[in-house]
């Protein structure tokens, strides 16, 4: 089971990577969209992971605030 789901805007990937690596180092199981395979149904996969995650971390940057996807993930979380 995923401990932490990270939601972010693609332009902020480098920040998401730093946070994800730190959380993994601290012993958490982290999911962020680099684990999606091409051709997967993104919305279904993301919703499934969010529903099982213990914690949702949203990187609220100016780009993320303008993203319907990030806002939707935060709402579901």
C-alpha atoms as a PDB file:
ATOM      1  CA  UNK A   1       0.000   0.000   0.000  1.00  0.00           C
ATOM      2  CA  UNK A   2       1.207   3.492  -0.812  1.00  0.00           C
ATOM      3  CA  UNK A   3       1.993   5.691   2.165  1.00  0.00           C
ATOM      4  CA  UNK A   4       2.261   8.980   0.286  1.00  0.00           C
ATOM      5  CA  UNK A   5       0.904  10.206  -3.052  1.00  0.00           C
ATOM      6  CA  UNK A   6       2.647  13.277  -4.508  1.00  0.00           C
ATOM      7  CA  UNK A   7       0.657  15.618  -6.722  1.00  0.00           C
ATOM      8  CA  UNK A   8       2.526  18.247  -8.724  1.00  0.00           C
ATOM      9  CA  UNK A   9       2.606  20.066 -12.047  1.00  0.00           C
ATOM     10  CA  UNK A  10       4.991  18.627 -14.638  1.00  0.00           C
ATOM     11  CA  UNK A  11       7.070  21.832 -14.611  1.00  0.00           C
ATOM     12  CA  UNK A  12       7.816  21.156 -10.929  1.00  0.00           C
ATOM     13  CA  UNK A  13       9.076  17.620 -11.474  1.00  0.00           C
ATOM     14  CA  UNK A  14      12.529  18.372 -10.051  1.00  0.00           C
ATOM     15  CA  UNK A  15      10.986  19.456  -6.732  1.00  0.00           C
ATOM     16  CA  UNK A  16       8.705  16.421  -6.648  1.00  0.00           C
ATOM     17  CA  UNK A  17      11.715  14.184  -7.236  1.00  0.00           C
ATOM     18  CA  UNK A  18      13.650  15.713  -4.335  1.00  0.00           C
ATOM     19  CA  UNK A  19      10.693  15.329  -1.988  1.00  0.00           C
ATOM     20  CA  UNK A  20       9.957  11.781  -3.156  1.00  0.00           C
ATOM     21  CA  UNK A  21      13.569  10.690  -2.723  1.00  0.00           C
ATOM     22  CA  UNK A  22      13.713  12.150   0.780  1.00  0.00           C
ATOM     23  CA  UNK A  23      10.461  10.456   1.821  1.00  0.00           C
ATOM     24  CA  UNK A  24      11.668   7.113   0.442  1.00  0.00           C
ATOM     25  CA  UNK A  25      14.930   7.588   2.343  1.00  0.00           C
ATOM     26  CA  UNK A  26      12.855   8.099   5.499  1.00  0.00           C
ATOM     27  CA  UNK A  27      11.170   4.745   4.881  1.00  0.00           C
ATOM     28  CA  UNK A  28       7.882   5.700   3.235  1.00  0.00           C
ATOM     29  CA  UNK A  29       6.404   4.095   0.149  1.00  0.00           C
ATOM     30  CA  UNK A  30       5.872   6.991  -2.239  1.00  0.00           C
ATOM     31  CA  UNK A  31       3.885   7.134  -5.475  1.00  0.00           C
ATOM     32  CA  UNK A  32       4.148   9.867  -8.071  1.00  0.00           C
ATOM     33  CA  UNK A  33       3.309   9.728 -11.737  1.00  0.00           C
ATOM     34  CA  UNK A  34       6.720   8.607 -12.938  1.00  0.00           C
ATOM     35  CA  UNK A  35       5.400   5.134 -12.143  1.00  0.00           C
ATOM     36  CA  UNK A  36       2.691   5.358 -14.819  1.00  0.00           C
ATOM     37  CA  UNK A  37       3.390   3.314 -17.915  1.00  0.00           C
ATOM     38  CA  UNK A  38       2.598   4.629 -21.406  1.00  0.00           C
ATOM     39  CA  UNK A  39      -0.879   3.649 -22.471  1.00  0.00           C
ATOM     40  CA  UNK A  40      -2.260   3.254 -18.964  1.00  0.00           C
ATOM     41  CA  UNK A  41      -5.505   4.959 -18.114  1.00  0.00           C
ATOM     42  CA  UNK A  42      -4.027   7.819 -16.111  1.00  0.00           C
ATOM     43  CA  UNK A  43      -7.137   9.056 -14.325  1.00  0.00           C
ATOM     44  CA  UNK A  44      -8.165   5.552 -13.229  1.00  0.00           C
ATOM     45  CA  UNK A  45      -4.692   4.673 -11.984  1.00  0.00           C
ATOM     46  CA  UNK A  46      -4.269   7.969 -10.140  1.00  0.00           C
ATOM     47  CA  UNK A  47      -7.686   7.753  -8.497  1.00  0.00           C
ATOM     48  CA  UNK A  48      -6.977   4.191  -7.369  1.00  0.00           C
ATOM     49  CA  UNK A  49      -3.646   5.149  -5.811  1.00  0.00           C
ATOM     50  CA  UNK A  50      -5.077   8.267  -4.142  1.00  0.00           C
ATOM     51  CA  UNK A  51      -7.914   6.266  -2.618  1.00  0.00           C
ATOM     52  CA  UNK A  52      -5.437   3.879  -0.991  1.00  0.00           C
ATOM     53  CA  UNK A  53      -2.750   6.389   0.048  1.00  0.00           C
ATOM     54  CA  UNK A  54      -2.394   7.333   3.691  1.00  0.00           C
ATOM     55  CA  UNK A  55      -1.295  10.887   2.870  1.00  0.00           C
ATOM     56  CA  UNK A  56      -1.493  13.223  -0.120  1.00  0.00           C
ATOM     57  CA  UNK A  57       1.275  15.780  -0.596  1.00  0.00           C
ATOM     58  CA  UNK A  58       0.431  18.554  -3.052  1.00  0.00           C
ATOM     59  CA  UNK A  59       3.185  20.849  -4.323  1.00  0.00           C
ATOM     60  CA  UNK A  60       1.282  24.144  -4.492  1.00  0.00           C
ATOM     61  CA  UNK A  61       3.317  26.188  -6.944  1.00  0.00           C
ATOM     62  CA  UNK A  62       1.939  28.896  -9.258  1.00  0.00           C
ATOM     63  CA  UNK A  63       1.875  26.304 -12.053  1.00  0.00           C
ATOM     64  CA  UNK A  64       0.050  23.762  -9.881  1.00  0.00           C
ATOM     65  CA  UNK A  65      -2.558  26.289  -8.790  1.00  0.00           C
ATOM     66  CA  UNK A  66      -3.458  26.750 -12.470  1.00  0.00           C
ATOM     67  CA  UNK A  67      -3.640  22.990 -13.125  1.00  0.00           C
ATOM     68  CA  UNK A  68      -7.042  21.321 -13.215  1.00  0.00           C
ATOM     69  CA  UNK A  69      -5.330  17.930 -12.713  1.00  0.00           C
ATOM     70  CA  UNK A  70      -3.515  18.998  -9.545  1.00  0.00           C
ATOM     71  CA  UNK A  71      -6.661  20.621  -8.142  1.00  0.00           C
ATOM     72  CA  UNK A  72      -8.652  17.463  -8.915  1.00  0.00           C
ATOM     73  CA  UNK A  73      -6.064  15.225  -7.236  1.00  0.00           C
ATOM     74  CA  UNK A  74      -6.055  17.478  -4.179  1.00  0.00           C
ATOM     75  CA  UNK A  75      -9.848  17.389  -4.035  1.00  0.00           C
ATOM     76  CA  UNK A  76      -9.957  13.607  -4.264  1.00  0.00           C
ATOM     77  CA  UNK A  77      -7.226  13.379  -1.635  1.00  0.00           C
END
